[in-house]
Structures are given as structure tokens and as C-alpha cells.
Amino acid sequence: MDELTHLDERGRARMVDVGAKDSTDREAVAEAVVILAEATRTALFGGSLPKGDAVAVARVAAIQAAKRTAELIPLCHPLALSAVEVEIEQIEVGARLVVTVRTTDRTGVEMEALTGASVGALTLYDMVKGVERGAEIGPIRLLRKSGGASGRWER
């Protein structure tokens, strides 16, 4: 990359002008892993946590966060999202959240997918912290994106 698009000619932060770009179908998929002890993982996916259905709460939190990304990340554009899908699955080390975000717009939805995955993982942490303070979050990462001039990218 030859230039950082979020900096103006004087090196100051700016919001990128996407007005001249074409609207295209765009999609991004991000994941977050929450590392849990076996007993906590069993309680989480067995529905026996003291705070209730953590998976359902985390799913809603991830959707809400994706929709509000522009309010949280200063230089992100507000986007009309057409879909936010959240899958939360049990894995050997704990839980894996996969957030898929779609839009037809002038800029991508990578930040929306990453924000959704991050807040979903934080919500799971909040829901299990009463039984396990040592839960860990990470990695949080983009898995793939498509649309726009840069096309498709996959990890």
C-alpha cells in the first residue's frame, strides 16, 4: 500500500471520501475465539450458566454491535447493512463466534464483522465471568471479504 487512506496530505486523520465509488455487493466474515475451561464450556452450551442463555445474548450483542460500528470506530462510514449472521459453536478450547455481514454500498463491511465478533466475545466473557474469571478472548480476525475494487480476500 503506497498511502494510508485515512490520512490527509498533512498526516491528519480523516474520513475517506467514498462518494465517487460504485455501490457493490459486499460481504465480510470475522471470527472470535473465547477460551474457556471445560466446565465453563459445558455450562455455556448446556444452558446452565447463572446469568442465563449466554449464547442467545451474545448473538444479539454481536448483531447490535455490527449495526453500530460507525458510532464506535471513529473513521468508519455508517452503512445500511442488509444482513448480519452470527454463529456460535462449541470448540475444544471454548467457543467460536463467526459473524457474517453483508451490504450493497460504497465501502466494505470488514469493520462491522470484526466489531460484531469482538462484542459478541466480550458478551460471552461477561456472561461467564461469574464462574470463570480466567476466560480469554482471541484471536479476533477477519476470515474473508468480498466486493469492491479490491475484490475477494481470504485468510
C-alpha atoms as a PDB file:
ATOM      1  CA  MET A   1       0.000   0.000   0.000  1.00  0.00           C
ATOM      2  CA  ASP A   2       1.519   3.302  -1.097  1.00  0.00           C
ATOM      3  CA  GLU A   3      -0.600   5.586   1.037  1.00  0.00           C
ATOM      4  CA  LEU A   4      -2.712   5.419   4.156  1.00  0.00           C
ATOM      5  CA  THR A   5      -6.166   6.458   3.033  1.00  0.00           C
ATOM      6  CA  HIS A   6      -7.260   7.672   6.472  1.00  0.00           C
ATOM      7  CA  LEU A   7      -4.604  10.394   6.499  1.00  0.00           C
ATOM      8  CA  ASP A   8      -4.770  13.660   4.579  1.00  0.00           C
ATOM      9  CA  GLU A   9      -1.799  15.266   2.811  1.00  0.00           C
ATOM     10  CA  ARG A  10      -0.681  16.793   6.149  1.00  0.00           C
ATOM     11  CA  GLY A  11      -0.864  13.482   8.037  1.00  0.00           C
ATOM     12  CA  ARG A  12      -4.093  14.263   9.886  1.00  0.00           C
ATOM     13  CA  ALA A  13      -6.840  11.684  10.388  1.00  0.00           C
ATOM     14  CA  ARG A  14      -9.775  11.983   8.012  1.00  0.00           C
ATOM     15  CA  MET A  15     -12.791  10.024   6.901  1.00  0.00           C
ATOM     16  CA  VAL A  16     -12.205   8.672   3.389  1.00  0.00           C
ATOM     17  CA  ASP A  17     -14.463  10.164   0.710  1.00  0.00           C
ATOM     18  CA  VAL A  18     -16.232   7.204  -0.912  1.00  0.00           C
ATOM     19  CA  GLY A  19     -18.664   9.361  -2.906  1.00  0.00           C
ATOM     20  CA  ALA A  20     -17.156   8.501  -6.289  1.00  0.00           C
ATOM     21  CA  LYS A  21     -17.129   4.747  -5.669  1.00  0.00           C
ATOM     22  CA  ASP A  22     -19.770   2.450  -7.110  1.00  0.00           C
ATOM     23  CA  SER A  23     -22.085   0.611  -4.767  1.00  0.00           C
ATOM     24  CA  THR A  24     -21.393  -3.105  -4.975  1.00  0.00           C
ATOM     25  CA  ASP A  25     -22.419  -6.190  -3.049  1.00  0.00           C
ATOM     26  CA  ARG A  26     -20.003  -6.625  -0.183  1.00  0.00           C
ATOM     27  CA  GLU A  27     -19.536  -9.288   2.456  1.00  0.00           C
ATOM     28  CA  ALA A  28     -17.106  -9.843   5.315  1.00  0.00           C
ATOM     29  CA  VAL A  29     -16.697 -12.745   7.726  1.00  0.00           C
ATOM     30  CA  ALA A  30     -14.830 -12.444  11.027  1.00  0.00           C
ATOM     31  CA  GLU A  31     -14.284 -14.764  13.946  1.00  0.00           C
ATOM     32  CA  ALA A  32     -13.528 -14.519  17.633  1.00  0.00           C
ATOM     33  CA  VAL A  33     -12.498 -17.339  19.941  1.00  0.00           C
ATOM     34  CA  VAL A  34     -13.281 -17.412  23.659  1.00  0.00           C
ATOM     35  CA  ILE A  35     -11.050 -19.821  25.566  1.00  0.00           C
ATOM     36  CA  LEU A  36     -12.832 -21.493  28.471  1.00  0.00           C
ATOM     37  CA  ALA A  37     -12.266 -24.221  30.994  1.00  0.00           C
ATOM     38  CA  GLU A  38     -14.092 -27.444  30.161  1.00  0.00           C
ATOM     39  CA  ALA A  39     -16.638 -26.996  32.977  1.00  0.00           C
ATOM     40  CA  THR A  40     -17.451 -23.459  31.820  1.00  0.00           C
ATOM     41  CA  ARG A  41     -17.776 -24.565  28.206  1.00  0.00           C
ATOM     42  CA  THR A  42     -20.156 -27.332  29.293  1.00  0.00           C
ATOM     43  CA  ALA A  43     -22.263 -24.882  31.321  1.00  0.00           C
ATOM     44  CA  LEU A  44     -22.298 -22.353  28.473  1.00  0.00           C
ATOM     45  CA  PHE A  45     -23.506 -24.777  25.832  1.00  0.00           C
ATOM     46  CA  GLY A  46     -25.655 -26.733  28.286  1.00  0.00           C
ATOM     47  CA  GLY A  47     -27.590 -23.602  29.223  1.00  0.00           C
ATOM     48  CA  SER A  48     -26.770 -23.819  32.922  1.00  0.00           C
ATOM     49  CA  LEU A  49     -24.917 -20.548  33.500  1.00  0.00           C
ATOM     50  CA  PRO A  50     -26.247 -18.411  36.380  1.00  0.00           C
ATOM     51  CA  LYS A  51     -26.826 -15.452  34.008  1.00  0.00           C
ATOM     52  CA  GLY A  52     -28.952 -17.496  31.599  1.00  0.00           C
ATOM     53  CA  ASP A  53     -28.692 -18.170  27.869  1.00  0.00           C
ATOM     54  CA  ALA A  54     -25.313 -16.603  27.133  1.00  0.00           C
ATOM     55  CA  VAL A  55     -25.263 -17.815  23.532  1.00  0.00           C
ATOM     56  CA  ALA A  56     -28.516 -16.019  22.709  1.00  0.00           C
ATOM     57  CA  VAL A  57     -27.401 -12.840  24.453  1.00  0.00           C
ATOM     58  CA  ALA A  58     -24.016 -12.868  22.692  1.00  0.00           C
ATOM     59  CA  ARG A  59     -25.692 -13.412  19.317  1.00  0.00           C
ATOM     60  CA  VAL A  60     -27.905 -10.337  19.806  1.00  0.00           C
ATOM     61  CA  ALA A  61     -24.945  -8.300  21.107  1.00  0.00           C
ATOM     62  CA  ALA A  62     -22.884  -9.176  18.022  1.00  0.00           C
ATOM     63  CA  ILE A  63     -25.701  -8.113  15.703  1.00  0.00           C
ATOM     64  CA  GLN A  64     -26.253  -4.871  17.597  1.00  0.00           C
ATOM     65  CA  ALA A  65     -22.519  -4.079  17.589  1.00  0.00           C
ATOM     66  CA  ALA A  66     -22.182  -4.663  13.839  1.00  0.00           C
ATOM     67  CA  LYS A  67     -25.070  -2.245  13.262  1.00  0.00           C
ATOM     68  CA  ARG A  68     -23.437   0.431  15.447  1.00  0.00           C
ATOM     69  CA  THR A  69     -19.851   0.173  14.233  1.00  0.00           C
ATOM     70  CA  ALA A  70     -19.726   3.729  12.875  1.00  0.00           C
ATOM     71  CA  GLU A  71     -20.578   5.009  16.368  1.00  0.00           C
ATOM     72  CA  LEU A  72     -17.684   3.060  17.906  1.00  0.00           C
ATOM     73  CA  ILE A  73     -14.891   3.278  15.315  1.00  0.00           C
ATOM     74  CA  PRO A  74     -14.309   6.979  14.578  1.00  0.00           C
ATOM     75  CA  LEU A  75     -13.472   6.889  10.853  1.00  0.00           C
ATOM     76  CA  CYS A  76     -15.981   4.214   9.762  1.00  0.00           C
ATOM     77  CA  HIS A  77     -18.849   5.163   7.483  1.00  0.00           C
ATOM     78  CA  PRO A  78     -22.396   4.455   8.623  1.00  0.00           C
ATOM     79  CA  LEU A  79     -23.673   1.651   6.392  1.00  0.00           C
ATOM     80  CA  ALA A  80     -27.088   0.206   5.661  1.00  0.00           C
ATOM     81  CA  LEU A  81     -26.452  -3.439   6.455  1.00  0.00           C
ATOM     82  CA  SER A  82     -28.584  -5.951   4.600  1.00  0.00           C
ATOM     83  CA  ALA A  83     -27.700  -8.890   6.863  1.00  0.00           C
ATOM     84  CA  VAL A  84     -25.782  -9.825   9.995  1.00  0.00           C
ATOM     85  CA  GLU A  85     -25.493 -13.528  10.760  1.00  0.00           C
ATOM     86  CA  VAL A  86     -23.895 -14.875  13.926  1.00  0.00           C
ATOM     87  CA  GLU A  87     -22.918 -18.472  14.552  1.00  0.00           C
ATOM     88  CA  ILE A  88     -21.623 -19.523  17.961  1.00  0.00           C
ATOM     89  CA  GLU A  89     -20.211 -23.001  18.200  1.00  0.00           C
ATOM     90  CA  GLN A  90     -18.582 -25.132  20.831  1.00  0.00           C
ATOM     91  CA  ILE A  91     -14.967 -25.935  20.071  1.00  0.00           C
ATOM     92  CA  GLU A  92     -12.388 -27.894  22.034  1.00  0.00           C
ATOM     93  CA  VAL A  93     -10.911 -24.803  23.703  1.00  0.00           C
ATOM     94  CA  GLY A  94     -14.206 -22.987  24.333  1.00  0.00           C
ATOM     95  CA  ALA A  95     -16.443 -21.082  21.935  1.00  0.00           C
ATOM     96  CA  ARG A  96     -16.045 -19.725  18.410  1.00  0.00           C
ATOM     97  CA  LEU A  97     -18.142 -16.852  17.083  1.00  0.00           C
ATOM     98  CA  VAL A  98     -18.387 -16.323  13.331  1.00  0.00           C
ATOM     99  CA  VAL A  99     -20.016 -13.098  12.174  1.00  0.00           C
ATOM    100  CA  THR A 100     -21.022 -12.546   8.538  1.00  0.00           C
ATOM    101  CA  VAL A 101     -22.081  -9.068   7.426  1.00  0.00           C
ATOM    102  CA  ARG A 102     -23.496  -8.054   4.042  1.00  0.00           C
ATOM    103  CA  THR A 103     -24.395  -4.776   2.371  1.00  0.00           C
ATOM    104  CA  THR A 104     -24.661  -3.148  -1.027  1.00  0.00           C
ATOM    105  CA  ASP A 105     -22.711   0.054  -0.577  1.00  0.00           C
ATOM    106  CA  ARG A 106     -19.585   2.049  -1.480  1.00  0.00           C
ATOM    107  CA  THR A 107     -17.303   0.681   1.228  1.00  0.00           C
ATOM    108  CA  GLY A 108     -16.691  -2.680   2.829  1.00  0.00           C
ATOM    109  CA  VAL A 109     -18.061  -4.277   5.976  1.00  0.00           C
ATOM    110  CA  GLU A 110     -14.871  -5.723   7.463  1.00  0.00           C
ATOM    111  CA  MET A 111     -15.043  -3.447  10.488  1.00  0.00           C
ATOM    112  CA  GLU A 112     -18.694  -4.343  11.075  1.00  0.00           C
ATOM    113  CA  ALA A 113     -17.877  -8.056  11.060  1.00  0.00           C
ATOM    114  CA  LEU A 114     -14.867  -7.560  13.352  1.00  0.00           C
ATOM    115  CA  THR A 115     -16.827  -5.326  15.722  1.00  0.00           C
ATOM    116  CA  GLY A 116     -19.657  -7.852  15.885  1.00  0.00           C
ATOM    117  CA  ALA A 117     -17.251 -10.693  16.637  1.00  0.00           C
ATOM    118  CA  SER A 118     -15.429  -8.625  19.267  1.00  0.00           C
ATOM    119  CA  VAL A 119     -18.532  -7.506  21.140  1.00  0.00           C
ATOM    120  CA  GLY A 120     -20.065 -10.971  20.906  1.00  0.00           C
ATOM    121  CA  ALA A 121     -16.908 -12.398  22.511  1.00  0.00           C
ATOM    122  CA  LEU A 122     -16.921  -9.699  25.198  1.00  0.00           C
ATOM    123  CA  THR A 123     -20.542 -10.533  25.930  1.00  0.00           C
ATOM    124  CA  LEU A 124     -19.722 -14.211  26.342  1.00  0.00           C
ATOM    125  CA  TYR A 125     -16.944 -13.207  28.728  1.00  0.00           C
ATOM    126  CA  ASP A 126     -19.397 -11.072  30.706  1.00  0.00           C
ATOM    127  CA  MET A 127     -21.860 -13.949  30.891  1.00  0.00           C
ATOM    128  CA  VAL A 128     -19.263 -16.485  32.149  1.00  0.00           C
ATOM    129  CA  LYS A 129     -17.058 -14.301  34.347  1.00  0.00           C
ATOM    130  CA  GLY A 130     -19.014 -15.247  37.453  1.00  0.00           C
ATOM    131  CA  VAL A 131     -17.913 -18.854  37.060  1.00  0.00           C
ATOM    132  CA  GLU A 132     -14.557 -18.299  35.325  1.00  0.00           C
ATOM    133  CA  ARG A 133     -12.580 -15.084  35.583  1.00  0.00           C
ATOM    134  CA  GLY A 134      -9.710 -16.638  33.627  1.00  0.00           C
ATOM    135  CA  ALA A 135     -11.581 -16.843  30.311  1.00  0.00           C
ATOM    136  CA  GLU A 136      -9.537 -15.467  27.409  1.00  0.00           C
ATOM    137  CA  ILE A 137     -10.563 -13.779  24.179  1.00  0.00           C
ATOM    138  CA  GLY A 138      -8.607 -14.218  20.978  1.00  0.00           C
ATOM    139  CA  PRO A 139      -7.798 -14.396  18.271  1.00  0.00           C
ATOM    140  CA  ILE A 140     -10.230 -11.973  16.683  1.00  0.00           C
ATOM    141  CA  ARG A 141      -9.628 -11.840  12.954  1.00  0.00           C
ATOM    142  CA  LEU A 142     -11.048 -11.307   9.508  1.00  0.00           C
ATOM    143  CA  LEU A 143     -11.548 -14.586   7.660  1.00  0.00           C
ATOM    144  CA  ARG A 144     -12.639 -13.262   4.273  1.00  0.00           C
ATOM    145  CA  LYS A 145     -14.122 -10.336   2.441  1.00  0.00           C
ATOM    146  CA  SER A 146     -15.530  -9.727  -0.999  1.00  0.00           C
ATOM    147  CA  GLY A 147     -16.796  -6.860  -3.104  1.00  0.00           C
ATOM    148  CA  GLY A 148     -15.466  -3.507  -4.177  1.00  0.00           C
ATOM    149  CA  ALA A 149     -12.384  -2.699  -6.207  1.00  0.00           C
ATOM    150  CA  SER A 150     -10.083  -4.919  -4.156  1.00  0.00           C
ATOM    151  CA  GLY A 151     -12.235  -7.980  -4.852  1.00  0.00           C
ATOM    152  CA  ARG A 152     -12.060 -11.133  -2.784  1.00  0.00           C
ATOM    153  CA  TRP A 153      -9.599 -11.744   0.039  1.00  0.00           C
ATOM    154  CA  GLU A 154      -9.427 -14.886   2.154  1.00  0.00           C
ATOM    155  CA  ARG A 155      -7.195 -15.783   5.101  1.00  0.00           C
END
